[in-house]
Amino acid sequence: EDARAALFLGERGQRISPRVVQLRLQALAQ
């Protein structure tokens, strides 16, 4: 239920984790 309400999802279908956001942002910056 938490994932279905979440705005941002990870690739496994659950609410995205802070660590994923950090890694994705740094990858884009590079």
Full PDB file with SEQRES, HELIX, SHEET, SSBOND, CRYST1, ORIGX, SCALE, CONECT and MASTER records, all heavy atoms in Angstrom:
SEQRES   1 A   30  GLU ASP ALA ARG ALA ALA LEU PHE LEU GLY GLU ARG GLY          
SEQRES   2 A   30  GLN ARG ILE SER PRO ARG VAL VAL GLN LEU ARG LEU GLN          
SEQRES   3 A   30  ALA LEU ALA GLN                                              
HELIX    1 AA1 ASP A    2  ALA A    5  1                                   4    
HELIX    2 AA2 PRO A   18  ALA A   29  1                                  12    
CRYST1    1.000    1.000    1.000  90.00  90.00  90.00 P 1           1          
ORIGX1      1.000000  0.000000  0.000000        0.00000                         
ORIGX2      0.000000  1.000000  0.000000        0.00000                         
ORIGX3      0.000000  0.000000  1.000000        0.00000                         
SCALE1      1.000000  0.000000  0.000000        0.00000                         
SCALE2      0.000000  1.000000  0.000000        0.00000                         
SCALE3      0.000000  0.000000  1.000000        0.00000                         
ATOM      1  N   GLU A   1       0.831  -1.212   0.000  1.00  0.00           N  
ATOM      2  CA  GLU A   1       0.000   0.000   0.000  1.00  0.00           C  
ATOM      3  C   GLU A   1       0.862   1.258   0.000  1.00  0.00           C  
ATOM      4  O   GLU A   1       0.522   2.250  -0.639  1.00  0.00           O  
ATOM      5  CB  GLU A   1      -0.915  -0.010   1.224  1.00  0.00           C  
ATOM      6  CG  GLU A   1      -2.064   0.992   1.160  1.00  0.00           C  
ATOM      7  CD  GLU A   1      -3.070   0.669   0.063  1.00  0.00           C  
ATOM      8  OE1 GLU A   1      -3.320  -0.531  -0.155  1.00  0.00           O  
ATOM      9  OE2 GLU A   1      -3.588   1.613  -0.562  1.00  0.00           O  
ATOM     10  N   ASP A   2       1.974   1.215   0.717  1.00  0.00           N  
ATOM     11  CA  ASP A   2       2.872   2.360   0.750  1.00  0.00           C  
ATOM     12  C   ASP A   2       3.425   2.646  -0.644  1.00  0.00           C  
ATOM     13  O   ASP A   2       3.498   3.797  -1.071  1.00  0.00           O  
ATOM     14  CB  ASP A   2       4.014   2.097   1.728  1.00  0.00           C  
ATOM     15  CG  ASP A   2       5.026   3.228   1.757  1.00  0.00           C  
ATOM     16  OD1 ASP A   2       4.691   4.309   2.277  1.00  0.00           O  
ATOM     17  OD2 ASP A   2       6.148   3.039   1.248  1.00  0.00           O  
ATOM     18  N   ALA A   3       3.803   1.591  -1.359  1.00  0.00           N  
ATOM     19  CA  ALA A   3       4.350   1.774  -2.702  1.00  0.00           C  
ATOM     20  C   ALA A   3       3.287   2.307  -3.663  1.00  0.00           C  
ATOM     21  O   ALA A   3       3.578   3.148  -4.520  1.00  0.00           O  
ATOM     22  CB  ALA A   3       4.910   0.453  -3.223  1.00  0.00           C  
ATOM     23  N   ARG A   4       2.079   1.836  -3.532  1.00  0.00           N  
ATOM     24  CA  ARG A   4       1.017   2.289  -4.440  1.00  0.00           C  
ATOM     25  C   ARG A   4       0.676   3.765  -4.218  1.00  0.00           C  
ATOM     26  O   ARG A   4       0.180   4.435  -5.119  1.00  0.00           O  
ATOM     27  CB  ARG A   4      -0.230   1.415  -4.264  1.00  0.00           C  
ATOM     28  CG  ARG A   4       0.014  -0.025  -4.694  1.00  0.00           C  
ATOM     29  CD  ARG A   4      -1.219  -0.886  -4.658  1.00  0.00           C  
ATOM     30  NE  ARG A   4      -0.884  -2.248  -5.089  1.00  0.00           N  
ATOM     31  CZ  ARG A   4      -0.740  -2.613  -6.352  1.00  0.00           C  
ATOM     32  NH1 ARG A   4      -0.940  -1.735  -7.313  1.00  0.00           N  
ATOM     33  NH2 ARG A   4      -0.409  -3.852  -6.655  1.00  0.00           N  
ATOM     34  N   ALA A   5       0.962   4.267  -3.016  1.00  0.00           N  
ATOM     35  CA  ALA A   5       0.728   5.684  -2.742  1.00  0.00           C  
ATOM     36  C   ALA A   5       1.932   6.544  -3.103  1.00  0.00           C  
ATOM     37  O   ALA A   5       1.780   7.741  -3.362  1.00  0.00           O  
ATOM     38  CB  ALA A   5       0.389   5.872  -1.269  1.00  0.00           C  
ATOM     39  N   ALA A   6       3.118   5.932  -3.141  1.00  0.00           N  
ATOM     40  CA  ALA A   6       4.361   6.699  -3.313  1.00  0.00           C  
ATOM     41  C   ALA A   6       4.402   7.405  -4.660  1.00  0.00           C  
ATOM     42  O   ALA A   6       4.013   6.850  -5.686  1.00  0.00           O  
ATOM     43  CB  ALA A   6       5.563   5.775  -3.178  1.00  0.00           C  
ATOM     44  N   LEU A   7       4.924   8.631  -4.646  1.00  0.00           N  
ATOM     45  CA  LEU A   7       5.101   9.345  -5.899  1.00  0.00           C  
ATOM     46  C   LEU A   7       6.234   8.736  -6.713  1.00  0.00           C  
ATOM     47  O   LEU A   7       6.086   8.504  -7.909  1.00  0.00           O  
ATOM     48  CB  LEU A   7       5.390  10.821  -5.620  1.00  0.00           C  
ATOM     49  CG  LEU A   7       5.706  11.683  -6.851  1.00  0.00           C  
ATOM     50  CD1 LEU A   7       4.557  11.681  -7.842  1.00  0.00           C  
ATOM     51  CD2 LEU A   7       6.051  13.117  -6.426  1.00  0.00           C  
ATOM     52  N   PHE A   8       7.343   8.446  -6.065  1.00  0.00           N  
ATOM     53  CA  PHE A   8       8.509   7.940  -6.782  1.00  0.00           C  
ATOM     54  C   PHE A   8       8.791   6.492  -6.384  1.00  0.00           C  
ATOM     55  O   PHE A   8       8.855   6.174  -5.188  1.00  0.00           O  
ATOM     56  CB  PHE A   8       9.728   8.817  -6.507  1.00  0.00           C  
ATOM     57  CG  PHE A   8       9.565  10.215  -7.042  1.00  0.00           C  
ATOM     58  CD1 PHE A   8       9.527  11.303  -6.184  1.00  0.00           C  
ATOM     59  CD2 PHE A   8       9.436  10.442  -8.404  1.00  0.00           C  
ATOM     60  CE1 PHE A   8       9.372  12.586  -6.662  1.00  0.00           C  
ATOM     61  CE2 PHE A   8       9.268  11.732  -8.900  1.00  0.00           C  
ATOM     62  CZ  PHE A   8       9.234  12.800  -8.034  1.00  0.00           C  
ATOM     63  N   LEU A   9       8.964   5.657  -7.409  1.00  0.00           N  
ATOM     64  CA  LEU A   9       9.150   4.225  -7.215  1.00  0.00           C  
ATOM     65  C   LEU A   9      10.518   3.786  -7.702  1.00  0.00           C  
ATOM     66  O   LEU A   9      11.051   4.332  -8.669  1.00  0.00           O  
ATOM     67  CB  LEU A   9       8.077   3.439  -7.981  1.00  0.00           C  
ATOM     68  CG  LEU A   9       6.622   3.739  -7.619  1.00  0.00           C  
ATOM     69  CD1 LEU A   9       5.688   3.120  -8.643  1.00  0.00           C  
ATOM     70  CD2 LEU A   9       6.314   3.218  -6.222  1.00  0.00           C  
ATOM     71  N   GLY A  10      11.049   2.766  -7.021  1.00  0.00           N  
ATOM     72  CA  GLY A  10      12.255   2.117  -7.507  1.00  0.00           C  
ATOM     73  C   GLY A  10      11.893   1.089  -8.562  1.00  0.00           C  
ATOM     74  O   GLY A  10      10.718   0.812  -8.827  1.00  0.00           O  
ATOM     75  N   GLU A  11      12.909   0.477  -9.160  1.00  0.00           N  
ATOM     76  CA  GLU A  11      12.665  -0.466 -10.250  1.00  0.00           C  
ATOM     77  C   GLU A  11      12.028  -1.761  -9.768  1.00  0.00           C  
ATOM     78  O   GLU A  11      11.551  -2.552 -10.589  1.00  0.00           O  
ATOM     79  CB  GLU A  11      13.974  -0.742 -10.990  1.00  0.00           C  
ATOM     80  CG  GLU A  11      14.507   0.508 -11.697  1.00  0.00           C  
ATOM     81  CD  GLU A  11      15.722   0.212 -12.548  1.00  0.00           C  
ATOM     82  OE1 GLU A  11      15.622  -0.641 -13.461  1.00  0.00           O  
ATOM     83  OE2 GLU A  11      16.781   0.819 -12.296  1.00  0.00           O  
ATOM     84  N   ARG A  12      12.008  -2.011  -8.453  1.00  0.00           N  
ATOM     85  CA  ARG A  12      11.353  -3.205  -7.914  1.00  0.00           C  
ATOM     86  C   ARG A  12       9.913  -2.935  -7.494  1.00  0.00           C  
ATOM     87  O   ARG A  12       9.265  -3.788  -6.902  1.00  0.00           O  
ATOM     88  CB  ARG A  12      12.149  -3.735  -6.725  1.00  0.00           C  
ATOM     89  CG  ARG A  12      13.547  -4.237  -7.111  1.00  0.00           C  
ATOM     90  CD  ARG A  12      14.271  -4.818  -5.912  1.00  0.00           C  
ATOM     91  NE  ARG A  12      15.587  -5.313  -6.273  1.00  0.00           N  
ATOM     92  CZ  ARG A  12      16.439  -5.865  -5.417  1.00  0.00           C  
ATOM     93  NH1 ARG A  12      16.093  -5.986  -4.135  1.00  0.00           N  
ATOM     94  NH2 ARG A  12      17.620  -6.281  -5.823  1.00  0.00           N  
ATOM     95  N   GLY A  13       9.433  -1.743  -7.766  1.00  0.00           N  
ATOM     96  CA  GLY A  13       8.034  -1.454  -7.492  1.00  0.00           C  
ATOM     97  C   GLY A  13       7.735  -0.989  -6.089  1.00  0.00           C  
ATOM     98  O   GLY A  13       6.568  -0.945  -5.693  1.00  0.00           O  
ATOM     99  N   GLN A  14       8.754  -0.633  -5.296  1.00  0.00           N  
ATOM    100  CA  GLN A  14       8.556  -0.104  -3.954  1.00  0.00           C  
ATOM    101  C   GLN A  14       8.945   1.368  -3.914  1.00  0.00           C  
ATOM    102  O   GLN A  14       9.552   1.885  -4.851  1.00  0.00           O  
ATOM    103  CB  GLN A  14       9.388  -0.901  -2.941  1.00  0.00           C  
ATOM    104  CG  GLN A  14       9.017  -2.379  -2.860  1.00  0.00           C  
ATOM    105  CD  GLN A  14       7.566  -2.611  -2.456  1.00  0.00           C  
ATOM    106  OE1 GLN A  14       7.043  -1.925  -1.583  1.00  0.00           O  
ATOM    107  NE2 GLN A  14       6.908  -3.578  -3.088  1.00  0.00           N  
ATOM    108  N   ARG A  15       8.573   2.055  -2.825  1.00  0.00           N  
ATOM    109  CA  ARG A  15       8.949   3.460  -2.674  1.00  0.00           C  
ATOM    110  C   ARG A  15      10.461   3.594  -2.834  1.00  0.00           C  
ATOM    111  O   ARG A  15      11.225   2.815  -2.267  1.00  0.00           O  
ATOM    112  CB  ARG A  15       8.504   3.987  -1.312  1.00  0.00           C  
ATOM    113  CG  ARG A  15       8.761   5.487  -1.107  1.00  0.00           C  
ATOM    114  CD  ARG A  15       8.306   5.926   0.288  1.00  0.00           C  
ATOM    115  NE  ARG A  15       6.872   5.816   0.451  1.00  0.00           N  
ATOM    116  CZ  ARG A  15       6.003   6.777   0.165  1.00  0.00           C  
ATOM    117  NH1 ARG A  15       6.427   7.934  -0.317  1.00  0.00           N  
ATOM    118  NH2 ARG A  15       4.708   6.585   0.358  1.00  0.00           N  
ATOM    119  N   ILE A  16      10.902   4.572  -3.583  1.00  0.00           N  
ATOM    120  CA  ILE A  16      12.319   4.729  -3.868  1.00  0.00           C  
ATOM    121  C   ILE A  16      13.096   5.034  -2.589  1.00  0.00           C  
ATOM    122  O   ILE A  16      12.589   5.695  -1.682  1.00  0.00           O  
ATOM    123  CB  ILE A  16      12.541   5.827  -4.933  1.00  0.00           C  
ATOM    124  CG1 ILE A  16      13.927   5.694  -5.571  1.00  0.00           C  
ATOM    125  CG2 ILE A  16      12.341   7.219  -4.331  1.00  0.00           C  
ATOM    126  CD1 ILE A  16      14.085   6.491  -6.840  1.00  0.00           C  
ATOM    127  N   SER A  17      14.320   4.545  -2.514  1.00  0.00           N  
ATOM    128  CA  SER A  17      15.147   4.761  -1.330  1.00  0.00           C  
ATOM    129  C   SER A  17      16.007   6.005  -1.512  1.00  0.00           C  
ATOM    130  O   SER A  17      16.352   6.376  -2.643  1.00  0.00           O  
ATOM    131  CB  SER A  17      16.053   3.555  -1.081  1.00  0.00           C  
ATOM    132  OG  SER A  17      17.086   3.495  -2.057  1.00  0.00           O  
ATOM    133  N   PRO A  18      16.387   6.670  -0.412  1.00  0.00           N  
ATOM    134  CA  PRO A  18      17.264   7.841  -0.522  1.00  0.00           C  
ATOM    135  C   PRO A  18      18.574   7.529  -1.242  1.00  0.00           C  
ATOM    136  O   PRO A  18      19.088   8.363  -1.991  1.00  0.00           O  
ATOM    137  CB  PRO A  18      17.499   8.242   0.935  1.00  0.00           C  
ATOM    138  CG  PRO A  18      16.304   7.729   1.669  1.00  0.00           C  
ATOM    139  CD  PRO A  18      15.944   6.457   0.977  1.00  0.00           C  
ATOM    140  N   ARG A  19      19.120   6.341  -1.009  1.00  0.00           N  
ATOM    141  CA  ARG A  19      20.402   6.006  -1.630  1.00  0.00           C  
ATOM    142  C   ARG A  19      20.300   5.967  -3.147  1.00  0.00           C  
ATOM    143  O   ARG A  19      21.231   6.409  -3.848  1.00  0.00           O  
ATOM    144  CB  ARG A  19      20.889   4.664  -1.092  1.00  0.00           C  
ATOM    145  CG  ARG A  19      22.276   4.249  -1.596  1.00  0.00           C  
ATOM    146  CD  ARG A  19      23.305   5.297  -1.239  1.00  0.00           C  
ATOM    147  NE  ARG A  19      24.647   4.915  -1.663  1.00  0.00           N  
ATOM    148  CZ  ARG A  19      25.654   5.757  -1.823  1.00  0.00           C  
ATOM    149  NH1 ARG A  19      25.465   7.048  -1.577  1.00  0.00           N  
ATOM    150  NH2 ARG A  19      26.828   5.334  -2.202  1.00  0.00           N  
ATOM    151  N   VAL A  20      19.197   5.472  -3.670  1.00  0.00           N  
ATOM    152  CA  VAL A  20      19.022   5.431  -5.125  1.00  0.00           C  
ATOM    153  C   VAL A  20      18.984   6.849  -5.687  1.00  0.00           C  
ATOM    154  O   VAL A  20      19.574   7.129  -6.736  1.00  0.00           O  
ATOM    155  CB  VAL A  20      17.738   4.656  -5.499  1.00  0.00           C  
ATOM    156  CG1 VAL A  20      17.424   4.799  -6.987  1.00  0.00           C  
ATOM    157  CG2 VAL A  20      17.898   3.180  -5.149  1.00  0.00           C  
ATOM    158  N   VAL A  21      18.306   7.755  -4.999  1.00  0.00           N  
ATOM    159  CA  VAL A  21      18.246   9.144  -5.463  1.00  0.00           C  
ATOM    160  C   VAL A  21      19.660   9.732  -5.505  1.00  0.00           C  
ATOM    161  O   VAL A  21      20.039  10.393  -6.474  1.00  0.00           O  
ATOM    162  CB  VAL A  21      17.338   9.995  -4.543  1.00  0.00           C  
ATOM    163  CG1 VAL A  21      17.258  11.428  -5.057  1.00  0.00           C  
ATOM    164  CG2 VAL A  21      15.942   9.392  -4.466  1.00  0.00           C  
ATOM    165  N   GLN A  22      20.436   9.486  -4.468  1.00  0.00           N  
ATOM    166  CA  GLN A  22      21.806  10.006  -4.418  1.00  0.00           C  
ATOM    167  C   GLN A  22      22.629   9.492  -5.600  1.00  0.00           C  
ATOM    168  O   GLN A  22      23.319  10.261  -6.274  1.00  0.00           O  
ATOM    169  CB  GLN A  22      22.470   9.585  -3.104  1.00  0.00           C  
ATOM    170  CG  GLN A  22      21.871  10.231  -1.867  1.00  0.00           C  
ATOM    171  CD  GLN A  22      22.424   9.625  -0.594  1.00  0.00           C  
ATOM    172  OE1 GLN A  22      23.096   8.594  -0.609  1.00  0.00           O  
ATOM    173  NE2 GLN A  22      22.121  10.253   0.540  1.00  0.00           N  
ATOM    174  N   LEU A  23      22.564   8.183  -5.845  1.00  0.00           N  
ATOM    175  CA  LEU A  23      23.371   7.585  -6.904  1.00  0.00           C  
ATOM    176  C   LEU A  23      22.942   8.064  -8.283  1.00  0.00           C  
ATOM    177  O   LEU A  23      23.781   8.335  -9.155  1.00  0.00           O  
ATOM    178  CB  LEU A  23      23.282   6.057  -6.820  1.00  0.00           C  
ATOM    179  CG  LEU A  23      23.920   5.420  -5.581  1.00  0.00           C  
ATOM    180  CD1 LEU A  23      23.634   3.925  -5.548  1.00  0.00           C  
ATOM    181  CD2 LEU A  23      25.421   5.677  -5.551  1.00  0.00           C  
ATOM    182  N   ARG A  24      21.641   8.186  -8.495  1.00  0.00           N  
ATOM    183  CA  ARG A  24      21.138   8.621  -9.809  1.00  0.00           C  
ATOM    184  C   ARG A  24      21.517  10.081 -10.080  1.00  0.00           C  
ATOM    185  O   ARG A  24      21.857  10.441 -11.213  1.00  0.00           O  
ATOM    186  CB  ARG A  24      19.635   8.442  -9.886  1.00  0.00           C  
ATOM    187  CG  ARG A  24      19.149   7.005  -9.794  1.00  0.00           C  
ATOM    188  CD  ARG A  24      19.558   6.166 -10.971  1.00  0.00           C  
ATOM    189  NE  ARG A  24      18.984   6.666 -12.228  1.00  0.00           N  
ATOM    190  CZ  ARG A  24      19.192   6.100 -13.411  1.00  0.00           C  
ATOM    191  NH1 ARG A  24      19.984   5.032 -13.517  1.00  0.00           N  
ATOM    192  NH2 ARG A  24      18.646   6.601 -14.499  1.00  0.00           N  
ATOM    193  N   LEU A  25      21.466  10.929  -9.055  1.00  0.00           N  
ATOM    194  CA  LEU A  25      21.818  12.329  -9.240  1.00  0.00           C  
ATOM    195  C   LEU A  25      23.312  12.468  -9.545  1.00  0.00           C  
ATOM    196  O   LEU A  25      23.702  13.223 -10.449  1.00  0.00           O  
ATOM    197  CB  LEU A  25      21.454  13.135  -7.993  1.00  0.00           C  
ATOM    198  CG  LEU A  25      21.800  14.628  -8.041  1.00  0.00           C  
ATOM    199  CD1 LEU A  25      21.125  15.320  -9.213  1.00  0.00           C  
ATOM    200  CD2 LEU A  25      21.415  15.309  -6.726  1.00  0.00           C  
ATOM    201  N   GLN A  26      24.140  11.768  -8.805  1.00  0.00           N  
ATOM    202  CA  GLN A  26      25.570  11.861  -9.051  1.00  0.00           C  
ATOM    203  C   GLN A  26      25.932  11.320 -10.439  1.00  0.00           C  
ATOM    204  O   GLN A  26      26.800  11.872 -11.125  1.00  0.00           O  
ATOM    205  CB  GLN A  26      26.345  11.098  -7.974  1.00  0.00           C  
ATOM    206  CG  GLN A  26      27.857  11.166  -8.111  1.00  0.00           C  
ATOM    207  CD  GLN A  26      28.408  12.580  -8.142  1.00  0.00           C  
ATOM    208  OE1 GLN A  26      27.808  13.495  -7.579  1.00  0.00           O  
ATOM    209  NE2 GLN A  26      29.538  12.776  -8.804  1.00  0.00           N  
ATOM    210  N   ALA A  27      25.250  10.263 -10.870  1.00  0.00           N  
ATOM    211  CA  ALA A  27      25.513   9.713 -12.203  1.00  0.00           C  
ATOM    212  C   ALA A  27      25.159  10.725 -13.285  1.00  0.00           C  
ATOM    213  O   ALA A  27      25.904  10.891 -14.268  1.00  0.00           O  
ATOM    214  CB  ALA A  27      24.714   8.419 -12.400  1.00  0.00           C  
ATOM    215  N   LEU A  28      24.042  11.439 -13.119  1.00  0.00           N  
ATOM    216  CA  LEU A  28      23.652  12.443 -14.104  1.00  0.00           C  
ATOM    217  C   LEU A  28      24.651  13.596 -14.101  1.00  0.00           C  
ATOM    218  O   LEU A  28      25.034  14.105 -15.170  1.00  0.00           O  
ATOM    219  CB  LEU A  28      22.244  12.960 -13.809  1.00  0.00           C  
ATOM    220  CG  LEU A  28      21.743  14.061 -14.751  1.00  0.00           C  
ATOM    221  CD1 LEU A  28      21.681  13.563 -16.192  1.00  0.00           C  
ATOM    222  CD2 LEU A  28      20.370  14.579 -14.313  1.00  0.00           C  
ATOM    223  N   ALA A  29      25.094  14.021 -12.911  1.00  0.00           N  
ATOM    224  CA  ALA A  29      26.066  15.112 -12.831  1.00  0.00           C  
ATOM    225  C   ALA A  29      27.350  14.755 -13.578  1.00  0.00           C  
ATOM    226  O   ALA A  29      27.936  15.597 -14.269  1.00  0.00           O  
ATOM    227  CB  ALA A  29      26.370  15.422 -11.365  1.00  0.00           C  
ATOM    228  N   GLN A  30      27.773  13.515 -13.458  1.00  0.00           N  
ATOM    229  CA  GLN A  30      28.980  13.077 -14.166  1.00  0.00           C  
ATOM    230  C   GLN A  30      28.748  13.040 -15.678  1.00  0.00           C  
ATOM    231  O   GLN A  30      29.625  13.434 -16.462  1.00  0.00           O  
ATOM    232  CB  GLN A  30      29.406  11.702 -13.662  1.00  0.00           C  
ATOM    233  CG  GLN A  30      29.930  11.713 -12.234  1.00  0.00           C  
ATOM    234  CD  GLN A  30      30.222  10.324 -11.707  1.00  0.00           C  
ATOM    235  OE1 GLN A  30      29.827   9.322 -12.299  1.00  0.00           O  
ATOM    236  NE2 GLN A  30      30.920  10.254 -10.579  1.00  0.00           N  
TER     237      GLN A  30                                                      
MASTER        0    0    0    2    0    0    0    6  236    1    0    3          
END                                                                             
